[in-house]
Structures are given as C-alpha cells and as structure tokens.
Amino acid sequence: MAILKPKVDLKKEHQVIDRICKEEKFPCNEFVPMAAAAKYLEVSVRQCRHLCQSGHIGEKYGVRTWLIHRDELIQFKPEKPPLGRPIGSTKKK
C-alpha cells in the first residue's frame, strides 16, 4: 500500500515565508535565513541548525553558515522528523 504525501500549495507556502521574512525584517529572496526557517518549521533555531547539520535541509556555506532554499524548505515541512528524545529512551524504575 502506497503512502500518499499531502499536497502542498506552493503559492500559499511562499506567501507564508514572505510574511515571516517581513516580520523578522529579512530580505525576501530565494534563500531563507535560519531564524525565518526555524519559525516556518515551528522549531528553535538550534533545532533548525541541527536539521541542517544532519543533512535534512540546507547546504553548507562557509564555516557556520547554511543556505536553505525556499523550495527545499517547503518540501521538507510535511516530512519533518520528530525532534527530541525518542519515546522510551529513559530508564524507568
């Protein structure tokens, strides 16, 4: 049985990213800053940076800088892995 992915409205998602960039006073271009990407994915900046380091999104540019393309971010949002500790990872006494 095939798993269907939810249909993404690209125009609406681009508008959401534009709104976030305007709120954060970032330029609206094809690359999304880390703070805006974190707000769009509804995670912290640190967790967004971890997603970049683990290879889920973004491309390394320099020592500490990541380039995150808009389309890549929009396609990643529905497939975002759960963050944090896995369930059952702590010992129960």
PDB file of N, CA and C in Angstrom:
ATOM      1  N   MET A   1       0.844  -1.174   0.000  1.00  0.00           N
ATOM      2  CA  MET A   1       0.000   0.000   0.000  1.00  0.00           C
ATOM      3  C   MET A   1       0.892   1.240   0.000  1.00  0.00           C
ATOM      4  N   ALA A   2       0.629   2.120  -0.920  1.00  0.00           N
ATOM      5  CA  ALA A   2       1.433   3.333  -1.054  1.00  0.00           C
ATOM      6  C   ALA A   2       0.943   4.402  -0.072  1.00  0.00           C
ATOM      7  N   ILE A   3       1.894   5.104   0.505  1.00  0.00           N
ATOM      8  CA  ILE A   3       1.565   6.199   1.412  1.00  0.00           C
ATOM      9  C   ILE A   3       1.510   7.486   0.600  1.00  0.00           C
ATOM     10  N   LEU A   4       0.381   8.162   0.665  1.00  0.00           N
ATOM     11  CA  LEU A   4       0.214   9.401  -0.081  1.00  0.00           C
ATOM     12  C   LEU A   4       0.738  10.577   0.728  1.00  0.00           C
ATOM     13  N   LYS A   5       1.523  11.415   0.067  1.00  0.00           N
ATOM     14  CA  LYS A   5       2.023  12.625   0.711  1.00  0.00           C
ATOM     15  C   LYS A   5       0.986  13.731   0.556  1.00  0.00           C
ATOM     16  N   PRO A   6       0.861  14.592   1.553  1.00  0.00           N
ATOM     17  CA  PRO A   6      -0.110  15.683   1.423  1.00  0.00           C
ATOM     18  C   PRO A   6       0.291  16.648   0.323  1.00  0.00           C
ATOM     19  N   LYS A   7      -0.707  17.124  -0.410  1.00  0.00           N
ATOM     20  CA  LYS A   7      -0.468  18.076  -1.491  1.00  0.00           C
ATOM     21  C   LYS A   7      -0.108  19.433  -0.884  1.00  0.00           C
ATOM     22  N   VAL A   8       0.968  20.032  -1.366  1.00  0.00           N
ATOM     23  CA  VAL A   8       1.450  21.302  -0.830  1.00  0.00           C
ATOM     24  C   VAL A   8       1.103  22.419  -1.810  1.00  0.00           C
ATOM     25  N   ASP A   9       0.467  23.473  -1.317  1.00  0.00           N
ATOM     26  CA  ASP A   9       0.147  24.645  -2.123  1.00  0.00           C
ATOM     27  C   ASP A   9       1.367  25.570  -2.100  1.00  0.00           C
ATOM     28  N   LEU A  10       2.162  25.529  -3.165  1.00  0.00           N
ATOM     29  CA  LEU A  10       3.426  26.272  -3.198  1.00  0.00           C
ATOM     30  C   LEU A  10       3.214  27.779  -3.080  1.00  0.00           C
ATOM     31  N   LYS A  11       2.188  28.301  -3.743  1.00  0.00           N
ATOM     32  CA  LYS A  11       1.959  29.746  -3.702  1.00  0.00           C
ATOM     33  C   LYS A  11       1.654  30.199  -2.274  1.00  0.00           C
ATOM     34  N   LYS A  12       0.816  29.447  -1.576  1.00  0.00           N
ATOM     35  CA  LYS A  12       0.462  29.799  -0.196  1.00  0.00           C
ATOM     36  C   LYS A  12       1.686  29.703   0.717  1.00  0.00           C
ATOM     37  N   GLU A  13       2.485  28.655   0.548  1.00  0.00           N
ATOM     38  CA  GLU A  13       3.668  28.473   1.391  1.00  0.00           C
ATOM     39  C   GLU A  13       4.705  29.565   1.132  1.00  0.00           C
ATOM     40  N   HIS A  14       4.860  29.996  -0.126  1.00  0.00           N
ATOM     41  CA  HIS A  14       5.768  31.110  -0.418  1.00  0.00           C
ATOM     42  C   HIS A  14       5.279  32.390   0.254  1.00  0.00           C
ATOM     43  N   GLN A  15       3.968  32.597   0.288  1.00  0.00           N
ATOM     44  CA  GLN A  15       3.413  33.768   0.961  1.00  0.00           C
ATOM     45  C   GLN A  15       3.677  33.718   2.462  1.00  0.00           C
ATOM     46  N   VAL A  16       3.593  32.530   3.053  1.00  0.00           N
ATOM     47  CA  VAL A  16       3.868  32.378   4.485  1.00  0.00           C
ATOM     48  C   VAL A  16       5.326  32.729   4.772  1.00  0.00           C
ATOM     49  N   ILE A  17       6.240  32.230   3.943  1.00  0.00           N
ATOM     50  CA  ILE A  17       7.670  32.518   4.128  1.00  0.00           C
ATOM     51  C   ILE A  17       7.930  34.009   3.938  1.00  0.00           C
ATOM     52  N   ASP A  18       7.287  34.636   2.946  1.00  0.00           N
ATOM     53  CA  ASP A  18       7.445  36.083   2.734  1.00  0.00           C
ATOM     54  C   ASP A  18       6.978  36.866   3.958  1.00  0.00           C
ATOM     55  N   ARG A  19       5.840  36.458   4.527  1.00  0.00           N
ATOM     56  CA  ARG A  19       5.316  37.140   5.707  1.00  0.00           C
ATOM     57  C   ARG A  19       6.270  37.016   6.891  1.00  0.00           C
ATOM     58  N   ILE A  20       6.825  35.816   7.078  1.00  0.00           N
ATOM     59  CA  ILE A  20       7.777  35.603   8.172  1.00  0.00           C
ATOM     60  C   ILE A  20       9.020  36.455   7.970  1.00  0.00           C
ATOM     61  N   CYS A  21       9.527  36.504   6.732  1.00  0.00           N
ATOM     62  CA  CYS A  21      10.720  37.314   6.447  1.00  0.00           C
ATOM     63  C   CYS A  21      10.455  38.795   6.689  1.00  0.00           C
ATOM     64  N   LYS A  22       9.265  39.265   6.333  1.00  0.00           N
ATOM     65  CA  LYS A  22       8.940  40.684   6.563  1.00  0.00           C
ATOM     66  C   LYS A  22       8.823  40.979   8.051  1.00  0.00           C
ATOM     67  N   GLU A  23       8.227  40.047   8.810  1.00  0.00           N
ATOM     68  CA  GLU A  23       8.113  40.241  10.262  1.00  0.00           C
ATOM     69  C   GLU A  23       9.491  40.304  10.923  1.00  0.00           C
ATOM     70  N   GLU A  24      10.401  39.451  10.466  1.00  0.00           N
ATOM     71  CA  GLU A  24      11.740  39.389  11.037  1.00  0.00           C
ATOM     72  C   GLU A  24      12.694  40.402  10.396  1.00  0.00           C
ATOM     73  N   LYS A  25      12.196  41.171   9.422  1.00  0.00           N
ATOM     74  CA  LYS A  25      12.981  42.177   8.710  1.00  0.00           C
ATOM     75  C   LYS A  25      14.178  41.576   7.956  1.00  0.00           C
ATOM     76  N   PHE A  26      13.908  40.452   7.266  1.00  0.00           N
ATOM     77  CA  PHE A  26      14.895  39.816   6.401  1.00  0.00           C
ATOM     78  C   PHE A  26      14.489  40.068   4.955  1.00  0.00           C
ATOM     79  N   PRO A  27      15.445  40.085   4.036  1.00  0.00           N
ATOM     80  CA  PRO A  27      15.077  40.252   2.623  1.00  0.00           C
ATOM     81  C   PRO A  27      14.334  39.011   2.115  1.00  0.00           C
ATOM     82  N   CYS A  28      13.392  39.235   1.215  1.00  0.00           N
ATOM     83  CA  CYS A  28      12.618  38.134   0.629  1.00  0.00           C
ATOM     84  C   CYS A  28      13.285  37.726  -0.681  1.00  0.00           C
ATOM     85  N   ASN A  29      14.067  36.668  -0.641  1.00  0.00           N
ATOM     86  CA  ASN A  29      14.694  36.160  -1.853  1.00  0.00           C
ATOM     87  C   ASN A  29      14.600  34.640  -1.847  1.00  0.00           C
ATOM     88  N   GLU A  30      15.354  33.961  -2.723  1.00  0.00           N
ATOM     89  CA  GLU A  30      15.211  32.518  -2.864  1.00  0.00           C
ATOM     90  C   GLU A  30      15.797  31.722  -1.693  1.00  0.00           C
ATOM     91  N   PHE A  31      16.639  32.336  -0.876  1.00  0.00           N
ATOM     92  CA  PHE A  31      17.193  31.660   0.292  1.00  0.00           C
ATOM     93  C   PHE A  31      16.562  32.211   1.565  1.00  0.00           C
ATOM     94  N   VAL A  32      16.311  31.329   2.518  1.00  0.00           N
ATOM     95  CA  VAL A  32      15.632  31.696   3.756  1.00  0.00           C
ATOM     96  C   VAL A  32      16.652  31.724   4.889  1.00  0.00           C
ATOM     97  N   PRO A  33      16.702  32.799   5.688  1.00  0.00           N
ATOM     98  CA  PRO A  33      17.617  32.846   6.829  1.00  0.00           C
ATOM     99  C   PRO A  33      17.245  31.799   7.884  1.00  0.00           C
ATOM    100  N   MET A  34      18.195  31.440   8.720  1.00  0.00           N
ATOM    101  CA  MET A  34      17.998  30.392   9.721  1.00  0.00           C
ATOM    102  C   MET A  34      16.846  30.709  10.673  1.00  0.00           C
ATOM    103  N   ALA A  35      16.749  31.958  11.127  1.00  0.00           N
ATOM    104  CA  ALA A  35      15.683  32.327  12.064  1.00  0.00           C
ATOM    105  C   ALA A  35      14.303  32.199  11.418  1.00  0.00           C
ATOM    106  N   ALA A  36      14.190  32.604  10.158  1.00  0.00           N
ATOM    107  CA  ALA A  36      12.909  32.502   9.455  1.00  0.00           C
ATOM    108  C   ALA A  36      12.567  31.040   9.167  1.00  0.00           C
ATOM    109  N   ALA A  37      13.568  30.231   8.833  1.00  0.00           N
ATOM    110  CA  ALA A  37      13.332  28.808   8.584  1.00  0.00           C
ATOM    111  C   ALA A  37      12.872  28.110   9.856  1.00  0.00           C
ATOM    112  N   ALA A  38      13.459  28.483  10.987  1.00  0.00           N
ATOM    113  CA  ALA A  38      13.063  27.886  12.270  1.00  0.00           C
ATOM    114  C   ALA A  38      11.623  28.260  12.612  1.00  0.00           C
ATOM    115  N   LYS A  39      11.252  29.504  12.372  1.00  0.00           N
ATOM    116  CA  LYS A  39       9.886  29.935  12.659  1.00  0.00           C
ATOM    117  C   LYS A  39       8.900  29.233  11.727  1.00  0.00           C
ATOM    118  N   TYR A  40       9.268  29.050  10.467  1.00  0.00           N
ATOM    119  CA  TYR A  40       8.408  28.373   9.499  1.00  0.00           C
ATOM    120  C   TYR A  40       8.209  26.902   9.881  1.00  0.00           C
ATOM    121  N   LEU A  41       9.279  26.241  10.331  1.00  0.00           N
ATOM    122  CA  LEU A  41       9.186  24.828  10.721  1.00  0.00           C
ATOM    123  C   LEU A  41       8.654  24.641  12.140  1.00  0.00           C
ATOM    124  N   GLU A  42       8.468  25.758  12.862  1.00  0.00           N
ATOM    125  CA  GLU A  42       7.965  25.741  14.234  1.00  0.00           C
ATOM    126  C   GLU A  42       8.898  24.973  15.172  1.00  0.00           C
ATOM    127  N   VAL A  43      10.192  25.262  15.029  1.00  0.00           N
ATOM    128  CA  VAL A  43      11.220  24.701  15.906  1.00  0.00           C
ATOM    129  C   VAL A  43      12.135  25.840  16.340  1.00  0.00           C
ATOM    130  N   SER A  44      13.060  25.549  17.261  1.00  0.00           N
ATOM    131  CA  SER A  44      14.022  26.566  17.672  1.00  0.00           C
ATOM    132  C   SER A  44      15.120  26.694  16.614  1.00  0.00           C
ATOM    133  N   VAL A  45      15.876  27.776  16.701  1.00  0.00           N
ATOM    134  CA  VAL A  45      16.979  27.986  15.763  1.00  0.00           C
ATOM    135  C   VAL A  45      18.014  26.871  15.925  1.00  0.00           C
ATOM    136  N   ARG A  46      18.236  26.449  17.161  1.00  0.00           N
ATOM    137  CA  ARG A  46      19.195  25.376  17.409  1.00  0.00           C
ATOM    138  C   ARG A  46      18.754  24.060  16.754  1.00  0.00           C
ATOM    139  N   GLN A  47      17.461  23.743  16.852  1.00  0.00           N
ATOM    140  CA  GLN A  47      16.958  22.523  16.233  1.00  0.00           C
ATOM    141  C   GLN A  47      17.008  22.620  14.713  1.00  0.00           C
ATOM    142  N   CYS A  48      16.755  23.817  14.173  1.00  0.00           N
ATOM    143  CA  CYS A  48      16.844  24.015  12.728  1.00  0.00           C
ATOM    144  C   CYS A  48      18.283  23.834  12.256  1.00  0.00           C
ATOM    145  N   ARG A  49      19.229  24.352  13.031  1.00  0.00           N
ATOM    146  CA  ARG A  49      20.638  24.170  12.697  1.00  0.00           C
ATOM    147  C   ARG A  49      21.021  22.684  12.741  1.00  0.00           C
ATOM    148  N   HIS A  50      20.450  21.951  13.697  1.00  0.00           N
ATOM    149  CA  HIS A  50      20.710  20.519  13.802  1.00  0.00           C
ATOM    150  C   HIS A  50      20.147  19.776  12.582  1.00  0.00           C
ATOM    151  N   LEU A  51      18.981  20.192  12.091  1.00  0.00           N
ATOM    152  CA  LEU A  51      18.422  19.586  10.889  1.00  0.00           C
ATOM    153  C   LEU A  51      19.338  19.812   9.688  1.00  0.00           C
ATOM    154  N   CYS A  52      19.959  20.987   9.634  1.00  0.00           N
ATOM    155  CA  CYS A  52      20.912  21.274   8.558  1.00  0.00           C
ATOM    156  C   CYS A  52      22.156  20.405   8.698  1.00  0.00           C
ATOM    157  N   GLN A  53      22.685  20.301   9.911  1.00  0.00           N
ATOM    158  CA  GLN A  53      23.902  19.523  10.135  1.00  0.00           C
ATOM    159  C   GLN A  53      23.687  18.041   9.866  1.00  0.00           C
ATOM    160  N   SER A  54      22.483  17.544  10.126  1.00  0.00           N
ATOM    161  CA  SER A  54      22.210  16.124   9.901  1.00  0.00           C
ATOM    162  C   SER A  54      21.865  15.824   8.446  1.00  0.00           C
ATOM    163  N   GLY A  55      21.803  16.867   7.604  1.00  0.00           N
ATOM    164  CA  GLY A  55      21.618  16.660   6.178  1.00  0.00           C
ATOM    165  C   GLY A  55      20.179  16.659   5.698  1.00  0.00           C
ATOM    166  N   HIS A  56      19.237  17.024   6.543  1.00  0.00           N
ATOM    167  CA  HIS A  56      17.838  17.036   6.124  1.00  0.00           C
ATOM    168  C   HIS A  56      17.532  18.214   5.206  1.00  0.00           C
ATOM    169  N   ILE A  57      18.031  19.387   5.564  1.00  0.00           N
ATOM    170  CA  ILE A  57      17.793  20.587   4.752  1.00  0.00           C
ATOM    171  C   ILE A  57      19.078  21.399   4.677  1.00  0.00           C
ATOM    172  N   GLY A  58      19.122  22.309   3.740  1.00  0.00           N
ATOM    173  CA  GLY A  58      20.220  23.265   3.667  1.00  0.00           C
ATOM    174  C   GLY A  58      21.479  22.732   3.017  1.00  0.00           C
ATOM    175  N   GLU A  59      22.360  23.676   2.783  1.00  0.00           N
ATOM    176  CA  GLU A  59      23.647  23.383   2.170  1.00  0.00           C
ATOM    177  C   GLU A  59      24.705  24.205   2.891  1.00  0.00           C
ATOM    178  N   LYS A  60      25.810  23.586   3.217  1.00  0.00           N
ATOM    179  CA  LYS A  60      26.880  24.255   3.961  1.00  0.00           C
ATOM    180  C   LYS A  60      27.519  25.340   3.098  1.00  0.00           C
ATOM    181  N   TYR A  61      27.690  26.518   3.699  1.00  0.00           N
ATOM    182  CA  TYR A  61      28.312  27.638   3.017  1.00  0.00           C
ATOM    183  C   TYR A  61      29.215  28.326   4.016  1.00  0.00           C
ATOM    184  N   GLY A  62      30.492  28.072   3.941  1.00  0.00           N
ATOM    185  CA  GLY A  62      31.423  28.645   4.907  1.00  0.00           C
ATOM    186  C   GLY A  62      31.539  27.766   6.135  1.00  0.00           C
ATOM    187  N   VAL A  63      31.983  28.357   7.228  1.00  0.00           N
ATOM    188  CA  VAL A  63      32.233  27.604   8.452  1.00  0.00           C
ATOM    189  C   VAL A  63      30.946  27.338   9.227  1.00  0.00           C
ATOM    190  N   ARG A  64      30.164  28.392   9.503  1.00  0.00           N
ATOM    191  CA  ARG A  64      28.960  28.234  10.326  1.00  0.00           C
ATOM    192  C   ARG A  64      27.684  28.638   9.602  1.00  0.00           C
ATOM    193  N   THR A  65      27.750  28.868   8.313  1.00  0.00           N
ATOM    194  CA  THR A  65      26.611  29.388   7.576  1.00  0.00           C
ATOM    195  C   THR A  65      25.953  28.278   6.750  1.00  0.00           C
ATOM    196  N   TRP A  66      24.625  28.286   6.738  1.00  0.00           N
ATOM    197  CA  TRP A  66      23.848  27.326   5.959  1.00  0.00           C
ATOM    198  C   TRP A  66      22.946  28.084   5.006  1.00  0.00           C
ATOM    199  N   LEU A  67      22.861  27.613   3.764  1.00  0.00           N
ATOM    200  CA  LEU A  67      21.937  28.175   2.793  1.00  0.00           C
ATOM    201  C   LEU A  67      20.746  27.230   2.691  1.00  0.00           C
ATOM    202  N   ILE A  68      19.562  27.750   2.951  1.00  0.00           N
ATOM    203  CA  ILE A  68      18.345  26.942   2.875  1.00  0.00           C
ATOM    204  C   ILE A  68      17.476  27.528   1.768  1.00  0.00           C
ATOM    205  N   HIS A  69      17.249  26.754   0.729  1.00  0.00           N
ATOM    206  CA  HIS A  69      16.447  27.206  -0.401  1.00  0.00           C
ATOM    207  C   HIS A  69      14.966  27.092  -0.049  1.00  0.00           C
ATOM    208  N   ARG A  70      14.180  28.058  -0.517  1.00  0.00           N
ATOM    209  CA  ARG A  70      12.744  28.097  -0.213  1.00  0.00           C
ATOM    210  C   ARG A  70      12.028  26.804  -0.578  1.00  0.00           C
ATOM    211  N   ASP A  71      12.228  26.342  -1.815  1.00  0.00           N
ATOM    212  CA  ASP A  71      11.510  25.151  -2.280  1.00  0.00           C
ATOM    213  C   ASP A  71      11.889  23.919  -1.465  1.00  0.00           C
ATOM    214  N   GLU A  72      13.153  23.818  -1.093  1.00  0.00           N
ATOM    215  CA  GLU A  72      13.612  22.703  -0.267  1.00  0.00           C
ATOM    216  C   GLU A  72      12.930  22.735   1.103  1.00  0.00           C
ATOM    217  N   LEU A  73      12.787  23.914   1.658  1.00  0.00           N
ATOM    218  CA  LEU A  73      12.148  24.080   2.966  1.00  0.00           C
ATOM    219  C   LEU A  73      10.661  23.726   2.900  1.00  0.00           C
ATOM    220  N   ILE A  74       9.993  24.162   1.834  1.00  0.00           N
ATOM    221  CA  ILE A  74       8.564  23.879   1.671  1.00  0.00           C
ATOM    222  C   ILE A  74       8.325  22.385   1.497  1.00  0.00           C
ATOM    223  N   GLN A  75       9.174  21.717   0.730  1.00  0.00           N
ATOM    224  CA  GLN A  75       9.004  20.282   0.519  1.00  0.00           C
ATOM    225  C   GLN A  75       9.351  19.479   1.768  1.00  0.00           C
ATOM    226  N   PHE A  76      10.202  20.027   2.630  1.00  0.00           N
ATOM    227  CA  PHE A  76      10.631  19.303   3.834  1.00  0.00           C
ATOM    228  C   PHE A  76       9.603  19.362   4.953  1.00  0.00           C
ATOM    229  N   LYS A  77       8.837  20.440   5.048  1.00  0.00           N
ATOM    230  CA  LYS A  77       7.950  20.648   6.198  1.00  0.00           C
ATOM    231  C   LYS A  77       7.015  19.469   6.481  1.00  0.00           C
ATOM    232  N   PRO A  78       6.312  18.900   5.495  1.00  0.00           N
ATOM    233  CA  PRO A  78       5.426  17.770   5.814  1.00  0.00           C
ATOM    234  C   PRO A  78       6.185  16.512   6.248  1.00  0.00           C
ATOM    235  N   GLU A  79       7.463  16.401   5.912  1.00  0.00           N
ATOM    236  CA  GLU A  79       8.245  15.210   6.222  1.00  0.00           C
ATOM    237  C   GLU A  79       9.181  15.410   7.410  1.00  0.00           C
ATOM    238  N   LYS A  80       8.978  16.479   8.169  1.00  0.00           N
ATOM    239  CA  LYS A  80       9.871  16.809   9.281  1.00  0.00           C
ATOM    240  C   LYS A  80       9.878  15.677  10.306  1.00  0.00           C
ATOM    241  N   PRO A  81      11.062  15.164  10.653  1.00  0.00           N
ATOM    242  CA  PRO A  81      11.113  14.091  11.652  1.00  0.00           C
ATOM    243  C   PRO A  81      10.813  14.642  13.043  1.00  0.00           C
ATOM    244  N   PRO A  82      10.281  13.813  13.932  1.00  0.00           N
ATOM    245  CA  PRO A  82      10.038  14.293  15.287  1.00  0.00           C
ATOM    246  C   PRO A  82      11.365  14.602  15.978  1.00  0.00           C
ATOM    247  N   LEU A  83      11.417  15.738  16.664  1.00  0.00           N
ATOM    248  CA  LEU A  83      12.643  16.151  17.330  1.00  0.00           C
ATOM    249  C   LEU A  83      12.571  15.807  18.807  1.00  0.00           C
ATOM    250  N   GLY A  84      13.709  15.702  19.435  1.00  0.00           N
ATOM    251  CA  GLY A  84      13.761  15.417  20.866  1.00  0.00           C
ATOM    252  C   GLY A  84      14.117  13.976  21.138  1.00  0.00           C
ATOM    253  N   ARG A  85      13.938  13.593  22.371  1.00  0.00           N
ATOM    254  CA  ARG A  85      14.264  12.244  22.795  1.00  0.00           C
ATOM    255  C   ARG A  85      13.256  11.237  22.259  1.00  0.00           C
ATOM    256  N   PRO A  86      13.715  10.091  21.782  1.00  0.00           N
ATOM    257  CA  PRO A  86      12.771   9.064  21.341  1.00  0.00           C
ATOM    258  C   PRO A  86      11.953   8.548  22.528  1.00  0.00           C
ATOM    259  N   ILE A  87      10.739   8.138  22.262  1.00  0.00           N
ATOM    260  CA  ILE A  87       9.888   7.607  23.322  1.00  0.00           C
ATOM    261  C   ILE A  87      10.507   6.327  23.859  1.00  0.00           C
ATOM    262  N   GLY A  88      10.560   6.217  25.185  1.00  0.00           N
ATOM    263  CA  GLY A  88      11.123   5.026  25.803  1.00  0.00           C
ATOM    264  C   GLY A  88      12.636   5.037  25.916  1.00  0.00           C
ATOM    265  N   SER A  89      13.266   6.202  25.709  1.00  0.00           N
ATOM    266  CA  SER A  89      14.723   6.254  25.750  1.00  0.00           C
ATOM    267  C   SER A  89      15.258   6.396  27.176  1.00  0.00           C
ATOM    268  N   THR A  90      14.388   6.715  28.107  1.00  0.00           N
ATOM    269  CA  THR A  90      14.853   6.836  29.504  1.00  0.00           C
ATOM    270  C   THR A  90      14.489   5.577  30.271  1.00  0.00           C
ATOM    271  N   LYS A  91      15.327   5.239  31.218  1.00  0.00           N
ATOM    272  CA  LYS A  91      15.075   4.034  32.008  1.00  0.00           C
ATOM    273  C   LYS A  91      13.992   4.312  33.037  1.00  0.00           C
ATOM    274  N   LYS A  92      13.066   3.389  33.137  1.00  0.00           N
ATOM    275  CA  LYS A  92      12.004   3.509  34.123  1.00  0.00           C
ATOM    276  C   LYS A  92      12.352   2.636  35.313  1.00  0.00           C
ATOM    277  N   LYS A  93      12.145   3.175  36.492  1.00  0.00           N
ATOM    278  CA  LYS A  93      12.479   2.432  37.696  1.00  0.00           C
ATOM    279  C   LYS A  93      11.272   1.785  38.300  1.00  0.00           C
TER     280      LYS A  93
END
